[in-house]
Amino acid sequence: MYRFFKTDASSSINLDSGEYMLLSGNQVLNEINKTKVREFYYNKNDKYLGVVAPTRQLKFQ
């Protein structure tokens, strides 16, 4: 899990702000290990924001 917070004008962290990201799965893409699925949520109320998941195999040249 990665958690991100926002700060106010005095650089104090607001724990109810920002988002967190849950990582699951692993895939190898051109010899690079990469997280397969990343889901995003609000810190404040755990509201689901969305998901980033592979839809096709990418090929680099």
N, C-alpha and C. Protein backbone atom coordinates (compact mmCIF):
# COMPACT_ATOMS: atom_id res chain seq x y z
N MET A 1 0.85 -1.17 0.00
CA MET A 1 0.00 0.00 0.00
C MET A 1 0.90 1.24 0.00
N TYR A 2 0.50 2.21 -0.78
CA TYR A 2 1.13 3.52 -0.77
C TYR A 2 0.07 4.53 -0.36
N ARG A 3 0.42 5.43 0.56
CA ARG A 3 -0.53 6.42 1.05
C ARG A 3 0.04 7.81 0.81
N PHE A 4 -0.80 8.69 0.30
CA PHE A 4 -0.40 10.06 -0.02
C PHE A 4 -1.27 11.03 0.76
N PHE A 5 -0.64 12.08 1.32
CA PHE A 5 -1.36 13.09 2.09
C PHE A 5 -1.09 14.46 1.52
N LYS A 6 -2.00 15.38 1.80
CA LYS A 6 -1.82 16.77 1.42
C LYS A 6 -1.43 17.56 2.66
N THR A 7 -0.74 18.67 2.46
CA THR A 7 -0.35 19.53 3.57
C THR A 7 -1.05 20.87 3.46
N ASP A 8 -1.16 21.55 4.61
CA ASP A 8 -1.75 22.89 4.60
C ASP A 8 -0.65 23.92 4.38
N ALA A 9 -0.98 25.17 4.50
CA ALA A 9 -0.04 26.27 4.24
C ALA A 9 1.17 26.25 5.18
N SER A 10 1.00 25.68 6.38
CA SER A 10 2.11 25.62 7.33
C SER A 10 2.88 24.29 7.24
N SER A 11 2.63 23.53 6.18
CA SER A 11 3.28 22.24 5.92
C SER A 11 2.90 21.15 6.90
N SER A 12 1.78 21.31 7.61
CA SER A 12 1.27 20.26 8.48
C SER A 12 0.47 19.26 7.64
N ILE A 13 0.68 17.99 7.92
CA ILE A 13 -0.01 16.94 7.17
C ILE A 13 -1.44 16.82 7.66
N ASN A 14 -2.38 16.79 6.72
CA ASN A 14 -3.79 16.58 7.02
C ASN A 14 -4.07 15.10 6.78
N LEU A 15 -4.27 14.32 7.85
CA LEU A 15 -4.44 12.87 7.73
C LEU A 15 -5.74 12.47 7.05
N ASP A 16 -6.71 13.37 6.97
CA ASP A 16 -7.98 13.06 6.29
C ASP A 16 -7.93 13.39 4.80
N SER A 17 -6.80 13.87 4.32
CA SER A 17 -6.71 14.27 2.93
C SER A 17 -5.98 13.20 2.12
N GLY A 18 -5.99 13.36 0.82
CA GLY A 18 -5.20 12.51 -0.05
C GLY A 18 -5.83 11.18 -0.35
N GLU A 19 -5.02 10.30 -0.88
CA GLU A 19 -5.49 9.00 -1.34
C GLU A 19 -4.50 7.91 -0.93
N TYR A 20 -4.98 6.66 -1.06
CA TYR A 20 -4.05 5.54 -0.92
C TYR A 20 -4.27 4.58 -2.07
N MET A 21 -3.25 3.78 -2.32
CA MET A 21 -3.25 2.89 -3.47
C MET A 21 -2.91 1.47 -2.98
N LEU A 22 -3.76 0.51 -3.35
CA LEU A 22 -3.50 -0.89 -3.05
C LEU A 22 -2.95 -1.56 -4.30
N LEU A 23 -1.89 -2.33 -4.12
CA LEU A 23 -1.24 -3.00 -5.25
C LEU A 23 -1.47 -4.49 -5.15
N SER A 24 -1.73 -5.13 -6.29
CA SER A 24 -1.89 -6.58 -6.29
C SER A 24 -1.43 -7.16 -7.61
N GLY A 25 -0.97 -8.38 -7.55
CA GLY A 25 -0.50 -9.07 -8.73
C GLY A 25 0.84 -8.55 -9.22
N ASN A 26 1.43 -9.30 -10.10
CA ASN A 26 2.71 -8.92 -10.67
C ASN A 26 2.74 -9.41 -12.11
N GLN A 27 3.36 -8.63 -12.96
CA GLN A 27 3.56 -9.06 -14.33
C GLN A 27 4.93 -8.61 -14.77
N VAL A 28 5.52 -9.36 -15.68
CA VAL A 28 6.82 -9.00 -16.23
C VAL A 28 6.58 -8.49 -17.64
N LEU A 29 7.05 -7.29 -17.89
CA LEU A 29 6.87 -6.65 -19.18
C LEU A 29 8.25 -6.25 -19.69
N ASN A 30 8.70 -6.94 -20.73
CA ASN A 30 10.04 -6.68 -21.27
C ASN A 30 11.11 -6.73 -20.19
N GLU A 31 11.06 -7.79 -19.38
CA GLU A 31 12.02 -8.06 -18.31
C GLU A 31 11.95 -7.07 -17.15
N ILE A 32 10.85 -6.32 -17.05
CA ILE A 32 10.65 -5.38 -15.95
C ILE A 32 9.47 -5.86 -15.11
N ASN A 33 9.69 -6.04 -13.79
CA ASN A 33 8.60 -6.41 -12.90
C ASN A 33 7.70 -5.21 -12.67
N LYS A 34 6.39 -5.43 -12.77
CA LYS A 34 5.43 -4.34 -12.66
C LYS A 34 4.20 -4.83 -11.90
N THR A 35 3.63 -3.95 -11.08
CA THR A 35 2.38 -4.29 -10.40
C THR A 35 1.28 -4.42 -11.43
N LYS A 36 0.49 -5.47 -11.32
CA LYS A 36 -0.54 -5.73 -12.31
C LYS A 36 -1.78 -4.87 -12.11
N VAL A 37 -2.24 -4.73 -10.86
CA VAL A 37 -3.47 -4.00 -10.58
C VAL A 37 -3.21 -2.96 -9.49
N ARG A 38 -3.65 -1.72 -9.73
CA ARG A 38 -3.52 -0.63 -8.75
C ARG A 38 -4.91 -0.05 -8.52
N GLU A 39 -5.37 -0.11 -7.27
CA GLU A 39 -6.69 0.42 -6.91
C GLU A 39 -6.49 1.65 -6.03
N PHE A 40 -7.30 2.69 -6.27
CA PHE A 40 -7.16 3.96 -5.56
C PHE A 40 -8.38 4.25 -4.69
N TYR A 41 -8.13 4.79 -3.47
CA TYR A 41 -9.18 5.10 -2.50
C TYR A 41 -8.86 6.43 -1.82
N TYR A 42 -9.90 7.13 -1.33
CA TYR A 42 -9.71 8.32 -0.50
C TYR A 42 -9.30 7.90 0.90
N ASN A 43 -8.39 8.65 1.53
CA ASN A 43 -8.01 8.39 2.92
C ASN A 43 -9.17 8.66 3.87
N LYS A 44 -9.90 9.73 3.63
CA LYS A 44 -10.92 10.20 4.56
C LYS A 44 -12.01 9.17 4.83
N ASN A 45 -12.58 8.59 3.79
CA ASN A 45 -13.74 7.71 3.98
C ASN A 45 -13.60 6.36 3.26
N ASP A 46 -12.41 6.06 2.78
CA ASP A 46 -12.14 4.81 2.05
C ASP A 46 -12.98 4.66 0.79
N LYS A 47 -13.47 5.77 0.25
CA LYS A 47 -14.27 5.73 -0.98
C LYS A 47 -13.40 5.27 -2.14
N TYR A 48 -13.92 4.32 -2.89
CA TYR A 48 -13.22 3.76 -4.05
C TYR A 48 -13.18 4.78 -5.18
N LEU A 49 -12.00 5.03 -5.73
CA LEU A 49 -11.84 6.00 -6.82
C LEU A 49 -11.72 5.34 -8.18
N GLY A 50 -11.04 4.21 -8.25
CA GLY A 50 -10.87 3.56 -9.54
C GLY A 50 -9.73 2.57 -9.52
N VAL A 51 -9.53 1.96 -10.68
CA VAL A 51 -8.52 0.92 -10.81
C VAL A 51 -7.73 1.14 -12.10
N VAL A 52 -6.46 0.79 -12.04
CA VAL A 52 -5.61 0.75 -13.23
C VAL A 52 -5.18 -0.70 -13.37
N ALA A 53 -5.59 -1.33 -14.45
CA ALA A 53 -5.26 -2.73 -14.70
C ALA A 53 -4.96 -2.89 -16.19
N PRO A 54 -4.11 -3.85 -16.52
CA PRO A 54 -3.77 -4.03 -17.93
C PRO A 54 -4.96 -4.53 -18.74
N THR A 55 -5.10 -3.97 -19.93
CA THR A 55 -6.16 -4.43 -20.82
C THR A 55 -5.59 -5.14 -22.03
N ARG A 56 -4.29 -4.94 -22.26
CA ARG A 56 -3.64 -5.62 -23.38
C ARG A 56 -2.14 -5.65 -23.12
N GLN A 57 -1.48 -6.50 -23.82
CA GLN A 57 -0.01 -6.62 -23.71
C GLN A 57 0.64 -5.50 -24.52
N LEU A 58 1.48 -4.72 -23.88
CA LEU A 58 2.21 -3.67 -24.57
C LEU A 58 3.52 -4.21 -25.11
N LYS A 59 3.92 -3.73 -26.23
CA LYS A 59 5.21 -4.14 -26.81
C LYS A 59 6.03 -2.91 -27.10
N PHE A 60 7.26 -2.93 -26.64
CA PHE A 60 8.17 -1.81 -26.89
C PHE A 60 9.16 -2.23 -27.96
N GLN A 61 9.60 -1.26 -28.72
CA GLN A 61 10.60 -1.54 -29.75
C GLN A 61 11.91 -0.89 -29.43
